[in-house]
Amino acid sequence: MEERKPLLEVKGLKQYFKGSRQFTVKAVDGVDFVIYPGETYGLVGESGSGKSTIGRSVIRLYKPTAGQILFNGMDISGNLSSQQNQQLRTQMQMIFQDPMACLNPRKKVGEIIAQGLDIHHLYKNQAERQQKVADILRKVGLAPEHADRYPHQFSGGQRQRVGIARALIMDPKLIIADECISALDVSIQAQVVNLMKDLQEETGTAYLFIAHDLSMVKYISDRIGVLHLGHLVETGTTEEIFNNPVHPYTQSLLSAIPQPDPRTERNRVAKSYDYKQAGVDYHVGKRQHLEGTHYVLATDEELAKWTAKS
């Protein structure tokens, strides 16, 4: 796995927001992870842990406070040249959480989907543009004639498919899916995630999949990063995280997943984790290697304590 070149490398990413002269919100505080071509990296954590901020910093909706972001070998953490900007805007796309809020209600779906093509002039004539829109609509399970409808004429799941089509039509190398299923019904969530998996097999696109639903992240992700208070506390493959959670915060998240078997569900004990009471200081801990691609943020004493228990 190490021979492959990462598509995205995030090193020591910090994203601070100044609230006032005295007060600064440290939304993301020194995060490192890599994403390889064609894989899905799941980013999980509770609301306010900094997941969406990381996604927005990576796609440069925010300018990172500190740290380095390398995309396809290109450093995109500083000021971007127009050529870098062009490359970034075509090769990286985002699917947003609320499908209604991110679609222009006054534009037809065909125009919304083709917006990227129009901006970057990625077609020779109108016939080719129309063909590309029709093809991508079919790919996401909608009909080509849907291009003439407006967003309010679709259901939530269909609108999210339009959002996916808008991202995919650019043929990106990386798609950042920011809580893209949390506003949908559970049955529709499964449809959208299955669609994303199928499209990934077909196109080889990599996903940064941001969510707080661990069971969905387990289903779609190759590797997982657990985020808490702006720090990446544990990262590894899906098996490593689910079979051997080391950090107490990861353990508390996994213990909260309901079990489908009523007997095991009856005996399930949800662990609680309080950062202040646990006496853990994320600023003191360092990335400790456990095995394979499994890392945890801990001091040597904490690591000894947590691994001794398990």
Protein backbone atom coordinates (compact mmCIF):
# COMPACT_ATOMS: atom_id res chain seq x y z
CA MET A 1 0.00 0.00 0.00
CA GLU A 2 2.89 2.36 0.78
CA GLU A 3 4.20 2.27 -2.81
CA ARG A 4 1.09 4.04 -4.05
CA LYS A 5 1.36 7.80 -4.14
CA PRO A 6 -1.28 9.55 -2.02
CA LEU A 7 -3.79 11.68 -3.89
CA LEU A 8 -4.25 13.98 -0.88
CA GLU A 9 -1.82 14.60 1.96
CA VAL A 10 -2.85 16.75 4.91
CA LYS A 11 0.00 17.62 7.28
CA GLY A 12 -0.47 19.53 10.53
CA LEU A 13 -3.62 21.29 9.33
CA LYS A 14 -4.83 24.06 11.64
CA GLN A 15 -7.93 26.13 11.05
CA TYR A 16 -8.59 28.90 13.57
CA PHE A 17 -11.41 31.45 13.49
CA LYS A 18 -11.06 34.74 15.34
CA GLY A 19 -14.20 35.41 17.38
CA SER A 20 -12.93 38.59 19.02
CA ARG A 21 -9.61 40.10 20.07
CA GLN A 22 -9.34 37.81 23.07
CA PHE A 23 -11.09 34.74 21.72
CA THR A 24 -10.09 32.37 18.91
CA VAL A 25 -11.94 29.19 18.00
CA LYS A 26 -9.48 26.40 17.25
CA ALA A 27 -11.79 24.41 14.97
CA VAL A 28 -9.04 22.11 13.64
CA ASP A 29 -5.79 21.79 15.55
CA GLY A 30 -2.95 19.88 13.87
CA VAL A 31 -4.54 17.11 11.78
CA ASP A 32 -2.61 14.66 9.55
CA PHE A 33 -4.05 12.11 7.14
CA VAL A 34 -3.63 10.82 3.58
CA ILE A 35 -6.11 9.63 0.94
CA TYR A 36 -5.03 7.29 -1.85
CA PRO A 37 -6.54 7.29 -5.36
CA GLY A 38 -9.84 5.43 -5.60
CA GLU A 39 -10.33 4.86 -1.86
CA THR A 40 -12.84 6.22 0.63
CA TYR A 41 -11.55 7.88 3.80
CA GLY A 42 -14.29 8.30 6.40
CA LEU A 43 -14.06 11.19 8.85
CA VAL A 44 -16.25 10.73 11.91
CA GLY A 45 -16.90 12.61 15.12
CA GLU A 46 -19.65 14.42 16.99
CA SER A 47 -21.15 17.73 15.84
CA GLY A 48 -18.66 20.57 16.26
CA SER A 49 -15.58 18.34 16.16
CA GLY A 50 -14.26 20.05 13.02
CA LYS A 51 -15.16 17.50 10.30
CA SER A 52 -16.82 19.92 7.88
CA THR A 53 -14.12 22.53 8.56
CA ILE A 54 -11.47 20.05 7.39
CA GLY A 55 -13.46 19.37 4.21
CA ARG A 56 -13.85 23.07 3.50
CA SER A 57 -10.18 23.77 4.19
CA VAL A 58 -9.09 20.97 1.85
CA ILE A 59 -11.23 22.31 -1.01
CA ARG A 60 -10.02 25.82 -0.10
CA LEU A 61 -13.34 27.38 0.84
CA TYR A 62 -11.29 28.42 3.89
CA LYS A 63 -7.64 29.43 3.81
CA PRO A 64 -5.77 27.16 6.27
CA THR A 65 -4.29 28.93 9.30
CA ALA A 66 -1.26 26.61 9.28
CA GLY A 67 -0.14 23.25 7.92
CA GLN A 68 0.25 21.85 4.44
CA ILE A 69 -2.24 20.33 1.99
CA LEU A 70 -0.82 18.46 -1.01
CA PHE A 71 -3.24 17.45 -3.75
CA ASN A 72 -1.92 15.31 -6.58
CA GLY A 73 1.61 16.48 -5.69
CA MET A 74 0.59 20.17 -5.80
CA ASP A 75 0.78 22.33 -2.66
CA ILE A 76 -2.63 24.00 -2.29
CA SER A 77 -2.26 25.40 1.23
CA GLY A 78 -0.96 28.87 0.29
CA ASN A 79 -2.12 31.45 -2.22
CA LEU A 80 -3.16 29.70 -5.42
CA SER A 81 -2.13 30.75 -8.92
CA SER A 82 -4.91 30.87 -11.52
CA GLN A 83 -3.61 27.64 -13.04
CA GLN A 84 -3.61 25.88 -9.64
CA ASN A 85 -7.08 27.23 -8.97
CA GLN A 86 -8.32 25.91 -12.31
CA GLN A 87 -6.81 22.49 -11.59
CA LEU A 88 -8.26 22.38 -8.08
CA ARG A 89 -11.74 23.46 -9.19
CA THR A 90 -11.92 20.76 -11.87
CA GLN A 91 -10.24 17.87 -10.02
CA MET A 92 -11.85 18.29 -6.59
CA GLN A 93 -15.60 18.59 -6.02
CA MET A 94 -17.92 18.76 -3.04
CA ILE A 95 -21.34 17.27 -2.26
CA PHE A 96 -23.08 19.32 0.44
CA GLN A 97 -25.28 18.31 3.33
CA ASP A 98 -28.54 20.04 2.42
CA PRO A 99 -29.49 19.23 -1.18
CA MET A 100 -32.07 22.02 -1.35
CA ALA A 101 -29.87 24.80 0.02
CA CYS A 102 -27.04 24.17 -2.44
CA LEU A 103 -29.17 24.05 -5.62
CA ASN A 104 -30.25 27.35 -7.18
CA PRO A 105 -34.09 27.24 -7.11
CA ARG A 106 -34.35 29.53 -10.14
CA LYS A 107 -32.26 27.34 -12.41
CA LYS A 108 -33.23 24.14 -14.16
CA VAL A 109 -31.39 21.01 -13.10
CA GLY A 110 -29.61 20.75 -16.47
CA GLU A 111 -28.10 24.21 -15.99
CA ILE A 112 -27.09 23.44 -12.40
CA ILE A 113 -25.31 20.24 -13.40
CA ALA A 114 -23.55 21.85 -16.38
CA GLN A 115 -22.38 24.88 -14.40
CA GLY A 116 -18.83 23.53 -13.98
CA LEU A 117 -18.65 22.63 -17.68
CA ASP A 118 -19.76 26.17 -18.57
CA ILE A 119 -17.22 27.87 -16.27
CA HIS A 120 -14.27 25.80 -17.47
CA HIS A 121 -15.45 25.48 -21.12
CA LEU A 122 -15.28 21.68 -21.13
CA TYR A 123 -17.34 21.03 -24.26
CA LYS A 124 -17.04 21.83 -27.96
CA ASN A 125 -20.68 22.60 -28.71
CA GLN A 126 -24.18 22.61 -27.17
CA ALA A 127 -24.90 19.08 -28.41
CA GLU A 128 -21.90 17.71 -26.50
CA ARG A 129 -22.91 19.66 -23.39
CA GLN A 130 -26.44 18.25 -23.58
CA GLN A 131 -25.07 14.73 -24.09
CA LYS A 132 -22.79 15.00 -21.05
CA VAL A 133 -25.68 16.15 -18.85
CA ALA A 134 -27.94 13.34 -20.14
CA ASP A 135 -25.21 10.72 -19.53
CA ILE A 136 -24.51 11.84 -15.98
CA LEU A 137 -28.24 11.96 -15.12
CA ARG A 138 -28.57 8.35 -16.27
CA LYS A 139 -25.52 7.42 -14.20
CA VAL A 140 -27.08 8.73 -10.98
CA GLY A 141 -30.40 7.02 -11.66
CA LEU A 142 -32.39 9.96 -13.06
CA ALA A 143 -33.84 10.41 -16.56
CA PRO A 144 -32.33 12.81 -19.15
CA GLU A 145 -35.68 14.65 -19.38
CA HIS A 146 -35.26 15.62 -15.69
CA ALA A 147 -32.78 18.24 -16.93
CA ASP A 148 -35.72 20.56 -17.73
CA ARG A 149 -37.17 20.46 -14.21
CA TYR A 150 -36.50 22.73 -11.24
CA PRO A 151 -35.04 21.53 -7.89
CA HIS A 152 -38.36 21.93 -6.01
CA GLN A 153 -39.92 19.32 -8.31
CA PHE A 154 -37.67 16.60 -6.87
CA SER A 155 -37.65 14.65 -3.61
CA GLY A 156 -34.75 14.99 -1.14
CA GLY A 157 -33.02 11.83 -2.38
CA GLN A 158 -33.37 12.90 -6.01
CA ARG A 159 -31.98 16.35 -5.20
CA GLN A 160 -28.96 14.73 -3.59
CA ARG A 161 -28.49 12.69 -6.78
CA VAL A 162 -28.47 16.00 -8.69
CA GLY A 163 -25.75 17.19 -6.29
CA ILE A 164 -23.74 14.03 -6.98
CA ALA A 165 -24.24 14.48 -10.75
CA ARG A 166 -23.01 18.07 -10.52
CA ALA A 167 -19.83 16.87 -8.78
CA LEU A 168 -19.24 13.86 -11.04
CA ILE A 169 -19.69 15.63 -14.38
CA MET A 170 -16.32 17.32 -13.84
CA ASP A 171 -14.68 13.85 -13.66
CA PRO A 172 -12.87 14.76 -10.41
CA LYS A 173 -10.11 12.79 -8.73
CA LEU A 174 -11.50 13.56 -5.26
CA ILE A 175 -15.03 14.21 -4.01
CA ILE A 176 -15.60 15.63 -0.53
CA ALA A 177 -18.97 14.35 0.67
CA ASP A 178 -19.89 16.57 3.64
CA GLU A 179 -22.66 14.85 5.65
CA CYS A 180 -24.24 14.23 2.26
CA ILE A 181 -26.78 11.68 3.55
CA SER A 182 -27.69 12.99 6.99
CA ALA A 183 -30.69 15.02 5.74
CA LEU A 184 -32.23 11.97 4.01
CA ASP A 185 -34.49 9.14 5.17
CA VAL A 186 -32.66 5.96 6.19
CA SER A 187 -33.90 3.95 3.16
CA ILE A 188 -32.83 6.76 0.81
CA GLN A 189 -29.45 7.00 2.60
CA ALA A 190 -28.71 3.40 1.64
CA GLN A 191 -29.65 4.09 -2.00
CA VAL A 192 -27.39 7.15 -2.20
CA VAL A 193 -24.43 5.39 -0.53
CA ASN A 194 -24.81 2.36 -2.82
CA LEU A 195 -24.91 4.72 -5.78
CA MET A 196 -21.71 6.41 -4.57
CA LYS A 197 -19.98 3.03 -4.21
CA ASP A 198 -21.03 1.94 -7.71
CA LEU A 199 -19.87 5.21 -9.23
CA GLN A 200 -16.55 4.91 -7.40
CA GLU A 201 -15.95 1.46 -8.90
CA GLU A 202 -16.78 2.83 -12.33
CA THR A 203 -14.84 6.11 -12.21
CA GLY A 204 -12.06 5.44 -9.67
CA THR A 205 -12.84 8.65 -7.80
CA ALA A 206 -11.59 8.97 -4.20
CA TYR A 207 -13.99 10.15 -1.47
CA LEU A 208 -13.46 12.06 1.73
CA PHE A 209 -16.68 10.90 3.39
CA ILE A 210 -17.64 13.13 6.33
CA ALA A 211 -20.40 11.78 8.60
CA HIS A 212 -21.40 11.13 12.18
CA ASP A 213 -23.26 7.87 11.44
CA LEU A 214 -20.66 5.22 12.21
CA SER A 215 -22.52 2.27 10.70
CA MET A 216 -22.71 4.08 7.35
CA VAL A 217 -19.04 5.04 7.56
CA LYS A 218 -18.15 1.40 8.30
CA TYR A 219 -20.07 0.32 5.20
CA ILE A 220 -18.52 2.77 2.73
CA SER A 221 -15.01 3.51 4.05
CA ASP A 222 -11.67 1.79 3.46
CA ARG A 223 -10.01 3.79 6.22
CA ILE A 224 -11.44 5.89 9.04
CA GLY A 225 -10.27 8.92 11.01
CA VAL A 226 -11.93 9.71 14.36
CA LEU A 227 -12.04 13.41 15.12
CA HIS A 228 -12.66 15.04 18.51
CA LEU A 229 -12.32 18.72 19.41
CA GLY A 230 -10.33 19.41 16.24
CA HIS A 231 -7.82 16.59 16.85
CA LEU A 232 -7.56 13.31 14.95
CA VAL A 233 -7.53 10.94 17.93
CA GLU A 234 -7.41 7.65 16.02
CA THR A 235 -7.03 6.54 12.42
CA GLY A 236 -6.76 3.18 10.65
CA THR A 237 -8.53 0.78 8.33
CA THR A 238 -12.21 0.07 9.01
CA GLU A 239 -11.29 -3.34 10.51
CA GLU A 240 -8.57 -1.88 12.75
CA ILE A 241 -10.90 0.79 14.17
CA PHE A 242 -13.94 -1.44 14.66
CA ASN A 243 -12.12 -4.57 15.91
CA ASN A 244 -9.61 -2.82 18.13
CA PRO A 245 -10.66 0.70 19.19
CA VAL A 246 -7.93 2.00 21.51
CA HIS A 247 -8.82 5.62 22.28
CA PRO A 248 -11.59 5.94 24.90
CA TYR A 249 -13.43 8.43 22.66
CA THR A 250 -13.48 5.91 19.79
CA GLN A 251 -14.69 3.24 22.21
CA SER A 252 -17.52 5.51 23.40
CA LEU A 253 -18.59 6.18 19.79
CA LEU A 254 -18.62 2.49 18.88
CA SER A 255 -20.45 1.51 22.06
CA ALA A 256 -23.30 3.86 21.06
CA ILE A 257 -24.10 1.97 17.83
CA PRO A 258 -27.41 0.10 18.24
CA GLN A 259 -27.19 -3.66 17.64
CA PRO A 260 -29.66 -5.37 15.25
CA ASP A 261 -29.95 -8.43 17.54
CA PRO A 262 -32.40 -7.62 20.39
CA ARG A 263 -30.54 -9.87 22.86
CA THR A 264 -27.17 -8.20 22.36
CA GLU A 265 -28.89 -4.79 22.20
CA ARG A 266 -30.43 -5.44 25.62
CA ASN A 267 -26.98 -6.04 27.11
CA ARG A 268 -25.23 -3.22 25.25
CA VAL A 269 -23.57 -0.73 27.59
CA ALA A 270 -22.81 2.68 26.09
CA LYS A 271 -19.52 4.04 27.41
CA SER A 272 -19.33 7.72 28.22
CA TYR A 273 -16.27 9.85 27.59
CA ASP A 274 -15.69 13.28 29.06
CA TYR A 275 -12.54 15.00 27.81
CA LYS A 276 -12.13 17.17 30.94
CA GLN A 277 -12.74 14.34 33.41
CA ALA A 278 -10.63 11.82 31.49
CA GLY A 279 -7.52 13.90 32.18
CA VAL A 280 -6.39 13.56 28.56
CA ASP A 281 -4.57 16.45 26.89
CA TYR A 282 -4.61 16.22 23.10
CA HIS A 283 -1.88 18.87 22.82
CA VAL A 284 0.59 16.71 24.77
CA GLY A 285 -0.10 13.40 23.00
CA LYS A 286 1.67 12.35 19.81
CA ARG A 287 0.80 9.99 16.96
CA GLN A 288 1.52 6.50 18.23
CA HIS A 289 1.74 3.60 15.77
CA LEU A 290 -0.12 0.46 16.85
CA GLU A 291 -0.02 -1.85 13.80
CA GLY A 292 -0.53 -1.64 10.05
CA THR A 293 -2.11 1.76 9.38
CA HIS A 294 -3.51 2.07 12.91
CA TYR A 295 -2.43 5.21 14.81
CA VAL A 296 -3.71 6.77 18.02
CA LEU A 297 -3.09 10.19 19.58
CA ALA A 298 -1.68 9.52 23.04
CA THR A 299 1.24 10.01 25.42
CA ASP A 300 3.32 6.90 26.20
CA GLU A 301 1.58 6.53 29.59
CA GLU A 302 -1.90 6.83 28.07
CA LEU A 303 -1.07 4.28 25.38
CA ALA A 304 0.23 1.80 27.98
CA LYS A 305 -2.93 2.30 30.05
CA TRP A 306 -5.37 1.94 27.14
CA THR A 307 -3.68 -1.10 25.56
CA ALA A 308 -3.32 -2.85 28.93
CA LYS A 309 -7.10 -2.68 29.43
CA SER A 310 -7.90 -4.17 26.05
